[in-house]
Amino acid sequence: MLRERLLARAGIFEPADAAPSLDEIYATQWSPEFEQLMRNRLAMGFFRYGALPKQIGCHKYDNLGSIEKRLSLYRENKNRELLVDIANLALVEFVVHPEHPFKPVDDGVHAERLK
């Protein structure tokens, strides 16, 4: 790290490795297993809560409270199913509230590195 900083400050750069393609990045930054688990549970949600598009503007559930509850439970028992539930609840919250803003920030809040 120090070497890179000194070289950058001196205006000397070592040749960079070729960047992976976007398809290669997509392949490494996703979990098909997680996606399948999400889809399975969303399909069950269709029977419990109805079609997602019909919930837009008239959603009757506290998604955010449910996310917080499940996150608390996950911290206790590490049951990964809760992570799938959290992801689905976030997806539903996103879909049923199109009136809420989507304001991308270039360098917003990030996960802190564990020590």
N, C-alpha and C. Protein backbone atom coordinates (compact mmCIF):
# COMPACT_ATOMS: atom_id res chain seq x y z
N MET A 1 0.84 -1.18 0.00
CA MET A 1 0.00 0.00 0.00
C MET A 1 0.89 1.25 0.00
N LEU A 2 1.91 1.27 0.81
CA LEU A 2 2.81 2.42 0.87
C LEU A 2 3.50 2.60 -0.48
N ARG A 3 3.92 1.47 -1.07
CA ARG A 3 4.59 1.53 -2.38
C ARG A 3 3.69 2.19 -3.42
N GLU A 4 2.42 1.79 -3.45
CA GLU A 4 1.49 2.36 -4.42
C GLU A 4 1.32 3.86 -4.20
N ARG A 5 1.23 4.27 -2.95
CA ARG A 5 1.09 5.70 -2.65
C ARG A 5 2.31 6.50 -3.09
N LEU A 6 3.49 5.95 -2.80
CA LEU A 6 4.71 6.66 -3.20
C LEU A 6 4.83 6.74 -4.71
N LEU A 7 4.52 5.66 -5.40
CA LEU A 7 4.57 5.67 -6.86
C LEU A 7 3.54 6.65 -7.43
N ALA A 8 2.36 6.67 -6.85
CA ALA A 8 1.33 7.58 -7.33
C ALA A 8 1.76 9.03 -7.09
N ARG A 9 2.31 9.32 -5.93
CA ARG A 9 2.76 10.68 -5.63
C ARG A 9 3.88 11.12 -6.58
N ALA A 10 4.74 10.18 -6.97
CA ALA A 10 5.84 10.49 -7.88
C ALA A 10 5.38 10.51 -9.34
N GLY A 11 4.13 10.14 -9.58
CA GLY A 11 3.63 10.11 -10.95
C GLY A 11 4.06 8.87 -11.71
N ILE A 12 4.50 7.87 -11.00
CA ILE A 12 4.95 6.62 -11.62
C ILE A 12 3.92 5.54 -11.28
N PHE A 13 3.42 4.91 -12.29
CA PHE A 13 2.41 3.88 -12.06
C PHE A 13 2.86 2.57 -12.66
N GLU A 14 2.64 1.50 -11.92
CA GLU A 14 2.92 0.18 -12.47
C GLU A 14 1.77 -0.21 -13.38
N PRO A 15 2.02 -1.03 -14.38
CA PRO A 15 0.93 -1.42 -15.27
C PRO A 15 -0.19 -2.10 -14.50
N ALA A 16 -1.39 -1.70 -14.78
CA ALA A 16 -2.55 -2.28 -14.10
C ALA A 16 -2.96 -3.56 -14.79
N ASP A 17 -3.50 -4.49 -14.00
CA ASP A 17 -4.06 -5.71 -14.58
C ASP A 17 -5.31 -5.34 -15.37
N ALA A 18 -5.59 -6.12 -16.39
CA ALA A 18 -6.79 -5.87 -17.18
C ALA A 18 -8.02 -6.07 -16.30
N ALA A 19 -8.96 -5.18 -16.42
CA ALA A 19 -10.19 -5.27 -15.63
C ALA A 19 -11.05 -6.41 -16.17
N PRO A 20 -11.76 -7.11 -15.29
CA PRO A 20 -12.66 -8.16 -15.77
C PRO A 20 -13.83 -7.53 -16.53
N SER A 21 -14.45 -8.32 -17.38
CA SER A 21 -15.61 -7.83 -18.11
C SER A 21 -16.79 -7.69 -17.15
N LEU A 22 -17.78 -6.94 -17.57
CA LEU A 22 -18.97 -6.77 -16.74
C LEU A 22 -19.66 -8.12 -16.50
N ASP A 23 -19.68 -8.97 -17.50
CA ASP A 23 -20.28 -10.30 -17.33
C ASP A 23 -19.52 -11.11 -16.28
N GLU A 24 -18.20 -11.01 -16.28
CA GLU A 24 -17.39 -11.72 -15.28
C GLU A 24 -17.67 -11.17 -13.87
N ILE A 25 -17.81 -9.87 -13.78
CA ILE A 25 -18.12 -9.26 -12.49
C ILE A 25 -19.49 -9.71 -12.01
N TYR A 26 -20.49 -9.67 -12.90
CA TYR A 26 -21.84 -10.11 -12.53
C TYR A 26 -21.82 -11.57 -12.05
N ALA A 27 -21.03 -12.40 -12.69
CA ALA A 27 -20.99 -13.82 -12.33
C ALA A 27 -20.42 -14.03 -10.93
N THR A 28 -19.55 -13.14 -10.48
CA THR A 28 -18.94 -13.32 -9.16
C THR A 28 -19.66 -12.55 -8.07
N GLN A 29 -20.54 -11.64 -8.43
CA GLN A 29 -21.18 -10.78 -7.44
C GLN A 29 -22.65 -11.14 -7.23
N TRP A 30 -22.98 -12.40 -7.37
CA TRP A 30 -24.37 -12.83 -7.20
C TRP A 30 -24.39 -14.25 -6.69
N SER A 31 -25.48 -14.62 -6.06
CA SER A 31 -25.66 -15.99 -5.57
C SER A 31 -26.93 -16.57 -6.18
N PRO A 32 -26.80 -17.47 -7.15
CA PRO A 32 -28.00 -18.11 -7.71
C PRO A 32 -28.81 -18.85 -6.64
N GLU A 33 -28.15 -19.45 -5.66
CA GLU A 33 -28.87 -20.14 -4.59
C GLU A 33 -29.74 -19.16 -3.80
N PHE A 34 -29.17 -18.01 -3.46
CA PHE A 34 -29.92 -16.99 -2.72
C PHE A 34 -31.11 -16.50 -3.55
N GLU A 35 -30.87 -16.26 -4.84
CA GLU A 35 -31.94 -15.81 -5.72
C GLU A 35 -33.07 -16.85 -5.78
N GLN A 36 -32.71 -18.13 -5.90
CA GLN A 36 -33.73 -19.17 -5.98
C GLN A 36 -34.54 -19.24 -4.69
N LEU A 37 -33.86 -19.11 -3.55
CA LEU A 37 -34.56 -19.11 -2.27
C LEU A 37 -35.50 -17.91 -2.18
N MET A 38 -35.07 -16.76 -2.66
CA MET A 38 -35.93 -15.58 -2.68
C MET A 38 -37.16 -15.83 -3.54
N ARG A 39 -36.93 -16.33 -4.74
CA ARG A 39 -38.04 -16.56 -5.67
C ARG A 39 -39.05 -17.56 -5.11
N ASN A 40 -38.54 -18.63 -4.48
CA ASN A 40 -39.45 -19.63 -3.88
C ASN A 40 -40.35 -18.98 -2.84
N ARG A 41 -39.76 -18.14 -2.00
CA ARG A 41 -40.54 -17.51 -0.94
C ARG A 41 -41.46 -16.42 -1.49
N LEU A 42 -41.04 -15.74 -2.52
CA LEU A 42 -41.92 -14.75 -3.15
C LEU A 42 -43.13 -15.43 -3.79
N ALA A 43 -42.92 -16.62 -4.35
CA ALA A 43 -44.05 -17.37 -4.93
C ALA A 43 -45.05 -17.74 -3.84
N MET A 44 -44.56 -18.16 -2.68
CA MET A 44 -45.46 -18.45 -1.56
C MET A 44 -46.16 -17.17 -1.10
N GLY A 45 -45.44 -16.06 -1.14
CA GLY A 45 -46.02 -14.78 -0.77
C GLY A 45 -47.20 -14.41 -1.65
N PHE A 46 -47.17 -14.84 -2.90
CA PHE A 46 -48.29 -14.59 -3.80
C PHE A 46 -49.57 -15.15 -3.21
N PHE A 47 -49.49 -16.37 -2.65
CA PHE A 47 -50.68 -17.01 -2.08
C PHE A 47 -51.07 -16.41 -0.73
N ARG A 48 -50.10 -15.92 0.02
CA ARG A 48 -50.39 -15.35 1.34
C ARG A 48 -50.88 -13.91 1.25
N TYR A 49 -50.22 -13.11 0.39
CA TYR A 49 -50.46 -11.67 0.38
C TYR A 49 -51.05 -11.14 -0.92
N GLY A 50 -51.10 -11.97 -1.94
CA GLY A 50 -51.61 -11.53 -3.23
C GLY A 50 -50.48 -11.11 -4.16
N ALA A 51 -50.85 -10.77 -5.37
CA ALA A 51 -49.87 -10.37 -6.38
C ALA A 51 -49.21 -9.05 -5.98
N LEU A 52 -47.92 -9.00 -6.13
CA LEU A 52 -47.15 -7.82 -5.75
C LEU A 52 -47.64 -6.55 -6.45
N PRO A 53 -47.89 -6.56 -7.76
CA PRO A 53 -48.35 -5.34 -8.41
C PRO A 53 -49.67 -4.79 -7.84
N LYS A 54 -50.52 -5.68 -7.33
CA LYS A 54 -51.79 -5.23 -6.77
C LYS A 54 -51.63 -4.56 -5.40
N GLN A 55 -50.45 -4.69 -4.81
CA GLN A 55 -50.20 -4.10 -3.50
C GLN A 55 -49.68 -2.65 -3.60
N ILE A 56 -49.35 -2.22 -4.80
CA ILE A 56 -48.82 -0.87 -4.97
C ILE A 56 -49.88 0.14 -4.57
N GLY A 57 -49.52 1.02 -3.66
CA GLY A 57 -50.43 2.06 -3.21
C GLY A 57 -51.41 1.62 -2.14
N CYS A 58 -51.51 0.32 -1.86
CA CYS A 58 -52.45 -0.13 -0.82
C CYS A 58 -51.84 -1.25 0.02
N HIS A 59 -50.55 -1.18 0.23
CA HIS A 59 -49.84 -2.20 1.00
C HIS A 59 -50.20 -2.08 2.48
N LYS A 60 -50.47 -3.20 3.12
CA LYS A 60 -50.99 -3.21 4.49
C LYS A 60 -50.03 -3.79 5.52
N TYR A 61 -48.75 -3.92 5.19
CA TYR A 61 -47.81 -4.60 6.07
C TYR A 61 -46.63 -3.71 6.42
N ASP A 62 -46.09 -3.91 7.62
CA ASP A 62 -44.95 -3.15 8.11
C ASP A 62 -43.65 -3.86 7.71
N ASN A 63 -43.24 -3.64 6.48
CA ASN A 63 -42.02 -4.30 5.98
C ASN A 63 -40.80 -3.90 6.79
N LEU A 64 -40.66 -2.61 7.08
CA LEU A 64 -39.47 -2.14 7.77
C LEU A 64 -39.39 -2.71 9.19
N GLY A 65 -40.50 -2.74 9.88
CA GLY A 65 -40.51 -3.35 11.21
C GLY A 65 -40.17 -4.82 11.16
N SER A 66 -40.67 -5.50 10.13
CA SER A 66 -40.39 -6.92 9.96
C SER A 66 -38.92 -7.15 9.63
N ILE A 67 -38.34 -6.27 8.83
CA ILE A 67 -36.90 -6.37 8.53
C ILE A 67 -36.10 -6.24 9.82
N GLU A 68 -36.44 -5.25 10.63
CA GLU A 68 -35.71 -5.03 11.89
C GLU A 68 -35.85 -6.24 12.81
N LYS A 69 -37.04 -6.80 12.90
CA LYS A 69 -37.27 -7.98 13.75
C LYS A 69 -36.44 -9.15 13.28
N ARG A 70 -36.46 -9.40 11.98
CA ARG A 70 -35.71 -10.54 11.43
C ARG A 70 -34.20 -10.34 11.57
N LEU A 71 -33.74 -9.11 11.42
CA LEU A 71 -32.32 -8.85 11.58
C LEU A 71 -31.89 -9.13 13.02
N SER A 72 -32.72 -8.74 13.97
CA SER A 72 -32.45 -9.01 15.37
C SER A 72 -32.39 -10.52 15.62
N LEU A 73 -33.34 -11.25 15.06
CA LEU A 73 -33.34 -12.71 15.20
C LEU A 73 -32.11 -13.32 14.55
N TYR A 74 -31.72 -12.83 13.38
CA TYR A 74 -30.54 -13.36 12.69
C TYR A 74 -29.29 -13.16 13.55
N ARG A 75 -29.19 -12.02 14.18
CA ARG A 75 -28.02 -11.77 15.05
C ARG A 75 -27.96 -12.78 16.19
N GLU A 76 -29.11 -13.26 16.62
CA GLU A 76 -29.16 -14.25 17.71
C GLU A 76 -28.87 -15.67 17.23
N ASN A 77 -29.52 -16.07 16.13
CA ASN A 77 -29.46 -17.49 15.76
C ASN A 77 -28.73 -17.81 14.45
N LYS A 78 -28.35 -16.78 13.70
CA LYS A 78 -27.59 -16.96 12.44
C LYS A 78 -28.31 -17.83 11.41
N ASN A 79 -29.64 -17.89 11.48
CA ASN A 79 -30.42 -18.65 10.50
C ASN A 79 -30.47 -17.84 9.21
N ARG A 80 -29.81 -18.33 8.17
CA ARG A 80 -29.70 -17.58 6.91
C ARG A 80 -31.03 -17.41 6.19
N GLU A 81 -32.02 -18.21 6.53
CA GLU A 81 -33.34 -18.01 5.94
C GLU A 81 -33.84 -16.59 6.24
N LEU A 82 -33.49 -16.08 7.40
CA LEU A 82 -33.91 -14.72 7.76
C LEU A 82 -33.32 -13.68 6.82
N LEU A 83 -32.12 -13.93 6.30
CA LEU A 83 -31.52 -13.00 5.34
C LEU A 83 -32.31 -12.98 4.04
N VAL A 84 -32.81 -14.13 3.63
CA VAL A 84 -33.65 -14.21 2.44
C VAL A 84 -34.95 -13.44 2.68
N ASP A 85 -35.52 -13.63 3.87
CA ASP A 85 -36.74 -12.89 4.21
C ASP A 85 -36.49 -11.39 4.19
N ILE A 86 -35.37 -10.96 4.74
CA ILE A 86 -35.03 -9.53 4.77
C ILE A 86 -34.92 -8.99 3.35
N ALA A 87 -34.24 -9.73 2.48
CA ALA A 87 -34.09 -9.29 1.09
C ALA A 87 -35.46 -9.17 0.42
N ASN A 88 -36.33 -10.15 0.64
CA ASN A 88 -37.66 -10.10 0.03
C ASN A 88 -38.49 -8.95 0.58
N LEU A 89 -38.40 -8.72 1.87
CA LEU A 89 -39.13 -7.60 2.45
C LEU A 89 -38.63 -6.27 1.89
N ALA A 90 -37.33 -6.15 1.68
CA ALA A 90 -36.78 -4.94 1.07
C ALA A 90 -37.28 -4.79 -0.36
N LEU A 91 -37.32 -5.89 -1.10
CA LEU A 91 -37.83 -5.86 -2.47
C LEU A 91 -39.29 -5.41 -2.49
N VAL A 92 -40.11 -5.99 -1.61
CA VAL A 92 -41.53 -5.62 -1.56
C VAL A 92 -41.67 -4.15 -1.20
N GLU A 93 -40.92 -3.69 -0.22
CA GLU A 93 -40.98 -2.27 0.18
C GLU A 93 -40.63 -1.37 -1.00
N PHE A 94 -39.62 -1.76 -1.76
CA PHE A 94 -39.20 -1.00 -2.94
C PHE A 94 -40.32 -0.94 -3.98
N VAL A 95 -40.95 -2.08 -4.25
CA VAL A 95 -41.96 -2.17 -5.30
C VAL A 95 -43.26 -1.46 -4.92
N VAL A 96 -43.72 -1.64 -3.69
CA VAL A 96 -45.04 -1.13 -3.34
C VAL A 96 -45.05 0.36 -3.01
N HIS A 97 -43.87 0.96 -2.95
CA HIS A 97 -43.80 2.40 -2.68
C HIS A 97 -43.05 3.15 -3.77
N PRO A 98 -43.60 3.17 -4.99
CA PRO A 98 -42.91 3.89 -6.07
C PRO A 98 -42.86 5.39 -5.83
N GLU A 99 -43.69 5.87 -4.89
CA GLU A 99 -43.69 7.31 -4.59
C GLU A 99 -42.49 7.71 -3.73
N HIS A 100 -41.85 6.74 -3.09
CA HIS A 100 -40.67 7.05 -2.29
C HIS A 100 -39.49 7.33 -3.22
N PRO A 101 -38.63 8.28 -2.86
CA PRO A 101 -37.54 8.65 -3.78
C PRO A 101 -36.47 7.57 -3.90
N PHE A 102 -35.82 7.57 -5.03
CA PHE A 102 -34.63 6.76 -5.25
C PHE A 102 -33.55 7.76 -5.65
N LYS A 103 -32.67 8.06 -4.72
CA LYS A 103 -31.64 9.07 -4.94
C LYS A 103 -30.27 8.43 -4.78
N PRO A 104 -29.68 7.95 -5.87
CA PRO A 104 -28.37 7.32 -5.76
C PRO A 104 -27.31 8.33 -5.29
N VAL A 105 -26.45 7.87 -4.42
CA VAL A 105 -25.32 8.68 -3.98
C VAL A 105 -24.05 7.96 -4.37
N ASP A 106 -23.08 8.71 -4.83
CA ASP A 106 -21.86 8.13 -5.35
C ASP A 106 -21.07 7.41 -4.27
N ASP A 107 -20.97 8.00 -3.10
CA ASP A 107 -20.15 7.39 -2.05
C ASP A 107 -20.89 7.47 -0.72
N GLY A 108 -21.94 6.70 -0.62
CA GLY A 108 -22.78 6.75 0.57
C GLY A 108 -22.26 5.88 1.69
N VAL A 109 -23.15 5.32 2.43
CA VAL A 109 -22.81 4.51 3.59
C VAL A 109 -22.34 3.13 3.12
N HIS A 110 -21.25 2.67 3.67
CA HIS A 110 -20.69 1.36 3.32
C HIS A 110 -20.54 0.51 4.57
N ALA A 111 -20.43 -0.78 4.37
CA ALA A 111 -20.18 -1.70 5.49
C ALA A 111 -18.78 -1.45 6.02
N GLU A 112 -18.67 -1.46 7.35
CA GLU A 112 -17.35 -1.30 7.96
C GLU A 112 -16.60 -2.61 7.93
N ARG A 113 -15.29 -2.50 7.82
CA ARG A 113 -14.44 -3.69 7.80
C ARG A 113 -14.36 -4.28 9.20
N LEU A 114 -14.52 -5.60 9.28
CA LEU A 114 -14.37 -6.29 10.56
C LEU A 114 -12.90 -6.36 10.92
N LYS A 115 -12.63 -6.32 12.20
CA LYS A 115 -11.22 -6.39 12.63
C LYS A 115 -10.84 -7.79 13.01
